[in-house]
Every structure is written in C-alpha cells, then in structure tokens.
C-alpha cells in the first residue's frame, strides 16, 4: 500500500513538473523568414524575426527595437494570406530586389516592382530596408 502511494505521488509530481515546465515555454517562435536578393551591392540578406525580440540577419542575432518587433508581428499576421495561396507575383520591368518569404502558412515570392503587390508587401519591403539599415 505504501509503495502504491509513493508511486502515485511520484507520478503526480512528474505531471506537475511537466506542466510547470510547459508553462515556462520554450524558445520563442520565428515569425517568418524573408530572403531578399538583388543585383546591387548589399542586396542579399536573410532576415528572421523572432517573438523574443530578436532578428537574425544572415545568421547573426541582434536585438530588434520594440516598434520593429511590433511591425514584424503585425506583418506575420498579414502575410498568412499570400503565403497560404503560394503567391508568385512576376517581376515588373526593372526589379531591384526580389523577395522570398517563408511563413508557417507557406512560401511566396515577389519583386519590388511586381504589379498588384498591395500594401502588406510594400510594408514588408520597408521593414526589411529599415532592419538592414538600423539593426543589422
């Protein structure tokens, strides 16, 4: 009987410990990955913002200022639609940058001069430019 109670107590302790560890959470999830390439110097960059307030620029981790983190979080939500549709916008006549965006919902691509890209994709371009210039 004593042994059964000890086993039950150990099982309960293990369960409580597992729940407590899960509540602490693991590492923050990446929001998305954007790969920018182009024909001008400094065009090629890979950015991966994370919910922990950092961004990886070509593999190097940097602190992401709060306004840029908030923008990345909002962009992540807004990128779901083009990603789930696997959007592939053709380039316009004079592209400088091409973007490939990988999200939990899928992957899509476009160029800076793609017609019909909409405000979300323009906002992503502005975010990338700002992060490259001020953070990376």
N, C-alpha and C. Protein backbone atom coordinates (compact mmCIF):
# COMPACT_ATOMS: atom_id res chain seq x y z
N UNK A 1 0.82 -1.18 0.00
CA UNK A 1 0.00 0.00 0.00
C UNK A 1 0.87 1.25 0.00
N UNK A 2 1.89 1.24 0.84
CA UNK A 2 2.79 2.37 0.93
C UNK A 2 3.50 2.59 -0.40
N UNK A 3 3.88 1.51 -1.02
CA UNK A 3 4.58 1.58 -2.30
C UNK A 3 3.65 2.17 -3.38
N UNK A 4 2.39 1.82 -3.36
CA UNK A 4 1.42 2.34 -4.33
C UNK A 4 1.25 3.84 -4.16
N UNK A 5 1.18 4.29 -2.88
CA UNK A 5 1.05 5.73 -2.62
C UNK A 5 2.30 6.47 -3.08
N UNK A 6 3.45 5.91 -2.86
CA UNK A 6 4.70 6.55 -3.28
C UNK A 6 4.75 6.65 -4.80
N UNK A 7 4.30 5.60 -5.49
CA UNK A 7 4.27 5.62 -6.95
C UNK A 7 3.30 6.67 -7.46
N UNK A 8 2.14 6.77 -6.83
CA UNK A 8 1.14 7.76 -7.23
C UNK A 8 1.65 9.17 -6.97
N UNK A 9 2.34 9.37 -5.85
CA UNK A 9 2.89 10.69 -5.53
C UNK A 9 3.96 11.07 -6.54
N UNK A 10 4.80 10.11 -6.90
CA UNK A 10 5.85 10.37 -7.89
C UNK A 10 5.23 10.71 -9.24
N UNK A 11 4.19 9.99 -9.63
CA UNK A 11 3.52 10.27 -10.89
C UNK A 11 2.90 11.66 -10.89
N UNK A 12 2.28 12.03 -9.76
CA UNK A 12 1.68 13.36 -9.66
C UNK A 12 2.75 14.45 -9.71
N UNK A 13 3.86 14.23 -9.03
CA UNK A 13 4.95 15.19 -9.04
C UNK A 13 5.52 15.35 -10.45
N UNK A 14 5.66 14.26 -11.15
CA UNK A 14 6.15 14.30 -12.53
C UNK A 14 5.20 15.09 -13.41
N UNK A 15 3.90 14.87 -13.25
CA UNK A 15 2.91 15.59 -14.05
C UNK A 15 2.94 17.09 -13.75
N UNK A 16 3.03 17.43 -12.48
CA UNK A 16 3.08 18.84 -12.09
C UNK A 16 4.34 19.50 -12.65
N UNK A 17 5.45 18.81 -12.58
CA UNK A 17 6.70 19.35 -13.11
C UNK A 17 6.59 19.57 -14.62
N UNK A 18 6.00 18.63 -15.33
CA UNK A 18 5.85 18.75 -16.78
C UNK A 18 4.98 19.95 -17.14
N UNK A 19 3.88 20.13 -16.40
CA UNK A 19 3.00 21.27 -16.64
C UNK A 19 3.73 22.58 -16.34
N UNK A 20 4.48 22.62 -15.25
CA UNK A 20 5.21 23.84 -14.90
C UNK A 20 6.25 24.18 -15.96
N UNK A 21 6.95 23.19 -16.45
CA UNK A 21 7.94 23.45 -17.50
C UNK A 21 7.28 23.91 -18.78
N UNK A 22 6.14 23.35 -19.12
CA UNK A 22 5.43 23.76 -20.32
C UNK A 22 4.95 25.20 -20.19
N UNK A 23 4.54 25.58 -18.99
CA UNK A 23 4.08 26.95 -18.77
C UNK A 23 5.20 27.95 -18.94
N UNK A 24 6.42 27.55 -18.65
CA UNK A 24 7.56 28.45 -18.82
C UNK A 24 7.83 28.68 -20.30
N UNK A 25 7.42 27.74 -21.13
CA UNK A 25 7.58 27.88 -22.56
C UNK A 25 8.98 27.55 -23.02
N UNK A 26 9.07 27.29 -24.29
CA UNK A 26 10.36 27.02 -24.90
C UNK A 26 10.85 28.27 -25.57
N UNK A 27 11.75 28.09 -26.50
CA UNK A 27 12.24 29.25 -27.21
C UNK A 27 11.12 29.90 -28.02
N UNK A 28 11.22 31.22 -28.20
CA UNK A 28 10.20 31.94 -28.96
C UNK A 28 10.24 31.51 -30.42
N UNK A 29 9.08 31.49 -31.02
CA UNK A 29 8.98 31.05 -32.41
C UNK A 29 9.43 32.13 -33.37
N UNK A 30 10.00 31.70 -34.49
CA UNK A 30 10.31 32.62 -35.56
C UNK A 30 8.99 33.07 -36.18
N UNK A 31 8.90 34.35 -36.52
CA UNK A 31 7.67 34.89 -37.10
C UNK A 31 7.57 34.57 -38.59
N UNK A 32 8.67 34.76 -39.30
CA UNK A 32 8.75 34.46 -40.73
C UNK A 32 10.21 34.58 -41.13
N UNK A 33 10.51 34.19 -42.35
CA UNK A 33 11.84 34.37 -42.92
C UNK A 33 11.67 35.10 -44.23
N UNK A 34 12.47 36.13 -44.44
CA UNK A 34 12.43 36.83 -45.72
C UNK A 34 13.85 36.84 -46.29
N UNK A 35 13.96 36.38 -47.53
CA UNK A 35 15.23 36.38 -48.24
C UNK A 35 15.12 37.42 -49.34
N UNK A 36 15.95 38.43 -49.24
CA UNK A 36 15.97 39.48 -50.26
C UNK A 36 17.22 39.30 -51.09
N UNK A 37 17.07 39.30 -52.38
CA UNK A 37 18.22 39.22 -53.28
C UNK A 37 18.08 40.31 -54.33
N UNK A 38 19.19 40.63 -54.96
CA UNK A 38 19.13 41.66 -55.98
C UNK A 38 20.46 41.85 -56.67
N UNK A 39 20.48 42.79 -57.58
CA UNK A 39 21.65 42.99 -58.42
C UNK A 39 22.54 44.13 -57.96
N UNK A 40 22.21 44.77 -56.84
CA UNK A 40 23.03 45.88 -56.35
C UNK A 40 23.82 45.43 -55.12
N UNK A 41 24.93 46.08 -54.83
CA UNK A 41 25.71 45.70 -53.64
C UNK A 41 24.86 45.78 -52.37
N UNK A 42 25.00 44.77 -51.52
CA UNK A 42 24.28 44.74 -50.25
C UNK A 42 22.84 44.28 -50.36
N UNK A 43 22.42 43.87 -51.53
CA UNK A 43 21.02 43.47 -51.71
C UNK A 43 20.69 42.16 -51.00
N UNK A 44 21.64 41.23 -51.00
CA UNK A 44 21.36 39.89 -50.50
C UNK A 44 21.38 39.84 -48.97
N UNK A 45 20.23 39.48 -48.41
CA UNK A 45 20.12 39.38 -46.95
C UNK A 45 19.00 38.39 -46.61
N UNK A 46 19.19 37.69 -45.51
CA UNK A 46 18.16 36.83 -44.96
C UNK A 46 17.84 37.32 -43.56
N UNK A 47 16.58 37.64 -43.32
CA UNK A 47 16.13 38.13 -42.02
C UNK A 47 15.10 37.18 -41.44
N UNK A 48 15.27 36.87 -40.14
CA UNK A 48 14.32 36.02 -39.44
C UNK A 48 13.99 36.67 -38.10
N UNK A 49 12.86 37.39 -38.03
CA UNK A 49 12.45 37.97 -36.75
C UNK A 49 11.83 36.90 -35.86
N UNK A 50 12.05 37.04 -34.55
CA UNK A 50 11.54 36.08 -33.58
C UNK A 50 10.69 36.81 -32.55
N UNK A 51 9.75 36.09 -31.99
CA UNK A 51 8.88 36.65 -30.96
C UNK A 51 9.61 37.05 -29.69
N UNK A 52 10.88 36.65 -29.54
CA UNK A 52 11.63 37.02 -28.34
C UNK A 52 12.28 38.40 -28.44
N UNK A 53 12.00 39.12 -29.55
CA UNK A 53 12.54 40.47 -29.69
C UNK A 53 13.88 40.53 -30.38
N UNK A 54 14.23 39.48 -31.09
CA UNK A 54 15.49 39.48 -31.83
C UNK A 54 15.21 39.25 -33.31
N UNK A 55 16.23 39.52 -34.10
CA UNK A 55 16.18 39.23 -35.52
C UNK A 55 17.53 38.65 -35.91
N UNK A 56 17.51 37.62 -36.74
CA UNK A 56 18.75 37.08 -37.27
C UNK A 56 18.96 37.71 -38.65
N UNK A 57 20.10 38.35 -38.81
CA UNK A 57 20.49 38.96 -40.07
C UNK A 57 21.63 38.11 -40.63
N UNK A 58 21.35 37.37 -41.68
CA UNK A 58 22.36 36.47 -42.25
C UNK A 58 22.99 35.60 -41.17
N UNK A 59 22.18 35.14 -40.23
CA UNK A 59 22.63 34.22 -39.20
C UNK A 59 23.11 34.87 -37.92
N UNK A 60 23.29 36.19 -37.89
CA UNK A 60 23.77 36.89 -36.69
C UNK A 60 22.57 37.49 -35.96
N UNK A 61 22.45 37.17 -34.67
CA UNK A 61 21.32 37.62 -33.86
C UNK A 61 21.55 39.05 -33.34
N UNK A 62 20.49 39.86 -33.46
CA UNK A 62 20.51 41.25 -32.99
C UNK A 62 19.21 41.54 -32.25
N UNK A 63 19.27 42.46 -31.31
CA UNK A 63 18.06 42.93 -30.64
C UNK A 63 17.23 43.74 -31.64
N UNK A 64 15.93 43.51 -31.63
CA UNK A 64 15.02 44.22 -32.52
C UNK A 64 14.27 45.26 -31.68
N UNK A 65 14.40 46.55 -32.01
CA UNK A 65 13.66 47.57 -31.24
C UNK A 65 12.16 47.28 -31.25
N UNK A 66 11.50 47.64 -30.16
CA UNK A 66 10.08 47.33 -29.99
C UNK A 66 9.21 47.72 -31.18
N UNK A 67 9.36 48.94 -31.74
CA UNK A 67 8.50 49.28 -32.89
C UNK A 67 8.70 48.34 -34.09
N UNK A 68 9.94 47.92 -34.32
CA UNK A 68 10.19 46.99 -35.42
C UNK A 68 9.69 45.59 -35.11
N UNK A 69 9.73 45.19 -33.84
CA UNK A 69 9.16 43.91 -33.44
C UNK A 69 7.65 43.92 -33.63
N UNK A 70 7.01 44.98 -33.19
CA UNK A 70 5.55 45.09 -33.34
C UNK A 70 5.16 45.05 -34.82
N UNK A 71 5.92 45.75 -35.66
CA UNK A 71 5.65 45.72 -37.09
C UNK A 71 5.81 44.30 -37.64
N UNK A 72 6.87 43.60 -37.20
CA UNK A 72 7.09 42.22 -37.66
C UNK A 72 5.93 41.32 -37.24
N UNK A 73 5.45 41.49 -36.01
CA UNK A 73 4.33 40.67 -35.54
C UNK A 73 3.07 40.94 -36.36
N UNK A 74 2.82 42.22 -36.66
CA UNK A 74 1.66 42.57 -37.49
C UNK A 74 1.82 42.03 -38.91
N UNK A 75 3.03 42.16 -39.45
CA UNK A 75 3.30 41.63 -40.78
C UNK A 75 3.07 40.12 -40.81
N UNK A 76 3.55 39.42 -39.78
CA UNK A 76 3.39 37.97 -39.74
C UNK A 76 1.92 37.58 -39.88
N UNK A 77 1.06 38.30 -39.20
CA UNK A 77 -0.38 38.03 -39.32
C UNK A 77 -0.87 38.30 -40.74
N UNK A 78 -0.42 39.41 -41.33
CA UNK A 78 -0.90 39.81 -42.65
C UNK A 78 -0.29 39.00 -43.79
N UNK A 79 0.82 38.32 -43.53
CA UNK A 79 1.46 37.51 -44.57
C UNK A 79 0.82 36.14 -44.74
N UNK A 80 -0.11 35.81 -43.87
CA UNK A 80 -0.77 34.50 -43.93
C UNK A 80 -1.50 34.29 -45.25
N UNK A 81 -2.21 35.30 -45.71
CA UNK A 81 -3.00 35.14 -46.94
C UNK A 81 -2.13 34.89 -48.16
N UNK A 82 -1.13 35.76 -48.46
CA UNK A 82 -0.32 35.45 -49.65
C UNK A 82 0.45 34.14 -49.50
N UNK A 83 0.85 33.81 -48.29
CA UNK A 83 1.59 32.56 -48.08
C UNK A 83 0.71 31.34 -48.30
N UNK A 84 -0.51 31.37 -47.78
CA UNK A 84 -1.40 30.22 -47.93
C UNK A 84 -1.82 30.02 -49.38
N UNK A 85 -1.75 31.08 -50.18
CA UNK A 85 -2.07 30.99 -51.61
C UNK A 85 -0.82 30.70 -52.45
N UNK A 86 0.35 30.61 -51.81
CA UNK A 86 1.61 30.40 -52.52
C UNK A 86 1.77 31.42 -53.64
N UNK A 87 1.51 32.68 -53.30
CA UNK A 87 1.55 33.78 -54.26
C UNK A 87 2.90 33.85 -54.97
N UNK A 88 2.88 34.02 -56.26
CA UNK A 88 4.09 34.20 -57.07
C UNK A 88 3.81 35.37 -58.01
N UNK A 89 4.20 36.58 -57.61
CA UNK A 89 3.98 37.74 -58.46
C UNK A 89 5.17 37.90 -59.41
N UNK A 90 4.90 38.05 -60.70
CA UNK A 90 6.01 38.25 -61.63
C UNK A 90 6.65 39.62 -61.43
N UNK A 91 7.89 39.71 -61.80
CA UNK A 91 8.61 40.99 -61.71
C UNK A 91 8.05 41.96 -62.74
N UNK A 92 8.20 43.24 -62.40
CA UNK A 92 7.90 44.28 -63.37
C UNK A 92 9.10 44.45 -64.28
N UNK A 93 9.17 45.57 -64.99
CA UNK A 93 10.24 45.75 -65.98
C UNK A 93 11.63 46.02 -65.40
N UNK A 94 11.71 46.56 -64.18
CA UNK A 94 13.02 46.94 -63.63
C UNK A 94 13.14 46.58 -62.15
N UNK A 95 13.15 45.30 -61.82
CA UNK A 95 13.26 44.95 -60.40
C UNK A 95 14.67 45.24 -59.86
N UNK A 96 14.71 45.68 -58.64
CA UNK A 96 15.98 45.84 -57.93
C UNK A 96 16.13 44.71 -56.92
N UNK A 97 15.05 44.45 -56.18
CA UNK A 97 15.05 43.40 -55.17
C UNK A 97 14.00 42.35 -55.49
N UNK A 98 14.31 41.11 -55.15
CA UNK A 98 13.35 40.02 -55.19
C UNK A 98 13.24 39.46 -53.77
N UNK A 99 12.04 39.13 -53.37
CA UNK A 99 11.77 38.65 -52.02
C UNK A 99 11.17 37.25 -52.07
N UNK A 100 11.68 36.38 -51.23
CA UNK A 100 11.07 35.07 -50.99
C UNK A 100 10.74 35.04 -49.51
N UNK A 101 9.48 34.82 -49.19
CA UNK A 101 9.01 34.89 -47.81
C UNK A 101 8.48 33.53 -47.41
N UNK A 102 9.01 33.01 -46.30
CA UNK A 102 8.62 31.71 -45.78
C UNK A 102 7.93 31.93 -44.44
N UNK A 103 6.68 31.48 -44.33
CA UNK A 103 5.89 31.62 -43.11
C UNK A 103 5.37 30.25 -42.70
N UNK A 104 4.82 30.13 -41.51
CA UNK A 104 4.20 28.86 -41.14
C UNK A 104 3.04 28.46 -42.07
N UNK A 105 2.47 29.44 -42.79
CA UNK A 105 1.35 29.16 -43.69
C UNK A 105 1.78 28.81 -45.11
N UNK A 106 3.06 29.00 -45.42
CA UNK A 106 3.53 28.70 -46.77
C UNK A 106 4.60 29.68 -47.22
N UNK A 107 4.95 29.58 -48.49
CA UNK A 107 6.02 30.39 -49.08
C UNK A 107 5.44 31.17 -50.26
N UNK A 108 5.90 32.42 -50.42
CA UNK A 108 5.52 33.21 -51.58
C UNK A 108 6.69 34.08 -52.01
N UNK A 109 6.58 34.66 -53.22
CA UNK A 109 7.67 35.49 -53.73
C UNK A 109 7.12 36.62 -54.59
N UNK A 110 7.93 37.67 -54.68
CA UNK A 110 7.57 38.83 -55.48
C UNK A 110 8.81 39.71 -55.62
N UNK A 111 8.74 40.71 -56.48
CA UNK A 111 9.82 41.68 -56.63
C UNK A 111 9.33 43.05 -56.21
N UNK A 112 10.27 43.95 -55.98
CA UNK A 112 9.89 45.28 -55.52
C UNK A 112 9.03 46.02 -56.55
N UNK A 113 9.12 45.65 -57.82
CA UNK A 113 8.31 46.32 -58.84
C UNK A 113 7.19 45.43 -59.39
N UNK A 114 6.85 44.36 -58.66
CA UNK A 114 5.75 43.50 -59.10
C UNK A 114 4.45 44.27 -59.08
N UNK A 115 3.67 44.18 -60.16
CA UNK A 115 2.36 44.82 -60.13
C UNK A 115 1.43 44.10 -59.13
N UNK A 116 0.50 44.83 -58.59
CA UNK A 116 -0.56 44.28 -57.73
C UNK A 116 -0.03 43.68 -56.43
N UNK A 117 1.07 44.22 -55.90
CA UNK A 117 1.61 43.63 -54.68
C UNK A 117 0.87 44.07 -53.42
N UNK A 118 0.24 45.18 -53.41
CA UNK A 118 -0.56 45.60 -52.27
C UNK A 118 0.27 46.17 -51.12
N UNK A 119 -0.43 46.73 -50.15
CA UNK A 119 0.23 47.46 -49.06
C UNK A 119 1.04 46.56 -48.13
N UNK A 120 0.59 45.35 -47.88
CA UNK A 120 1.32 44.47 -46.95
C UNK A 120 2.71 44.16 -47.49
N UNK A 121 2.81 43.86 -48.77
CA UNK A 121 4.12 43.53 -49.33
C UNK A 121 5.01 44.76 -49.40
N UNK A 122 4.44 45.93 -49.62
CA UNK A 122 5.22 47.17 -49.57
C UNK A 122 5.71 47.44 -48.14
N UNK A 123 4.85 47.17 -47.17
CA UNK A 123 5.25 47.34 -45.77
C UNK A 123 6.38 46.39 -45.41
N UNK A 124 6.34 45.18 -45.93
CA UNK A 124 7.42 44.23 -45.68
C UNK A 124 8.73 44.75 -46.27
N UNK A 125 8.68 45.31 -47.48
CA UNK A 125 9.88 45.88 -48.09
C UNK A 125 10.46 47.00 -47.22
N UNK A 126 9.59 47.86 -46.71
CA UNK A 126 10.04 48.97 -45.86
C UNK A 126 10.64 48.43 -44.56
N UNK A 127 10.01 47.40 -43.99
CA UNK A 127 10.52 46.80 -42.76
C UNK A 127 11.91 46.22 -42.99
N UNK A 128 12.07 45.47 -44.08
CA UNK A 128 13.38 44.88 -44.40
C UNK A 128 14.43 45.97 -44.54
N UNK A 129 14.13 47.01 -45.29
CA UNK A 129 15.08 48.11 -45.50
C UNK A 129 15.48 48.75 -44.17
N UNK A 130 14.51 48.99 -43.31
CA UNK A 130 14.79 49.62 -42.02
C UNK A 130 15.65 48.72 -41.15
N UNK A 131 15.33 47.43 -41.09
CA UNK A 131 16.10 46.49 -40.27
C UNK A 131 17.52 46.39 -40.78
N UNK A 132 17.68 46.30 -42.09
CA UNK A 132 19.03 46.20 -42.67
C UNK A 132 19.84 47.44 -42.32
N UNK A 133 19.24 48.61 -42.44
CA UNK A 133 19.96 49.86 -42.22
C UNK A 133 20.23 50.17 -40.74
N UNK A 134 19.28 49.83 -39.86
CA UNK A 134 19.38 50.27 -38.47
C UNK A 134 19.74 49.17 -37.48
N UNK A 135 19.55 47.90 -37.85
CA UNK A 135 19.75 46.82 -36.88
C UNK A 135 20.91 45.92 -37.27
N UNK A 136 20.92 45.51 -38.51
CA UNK A 136 21.94 44.56 -38.96
C UNK A 136 23.29 45.27 -39.08
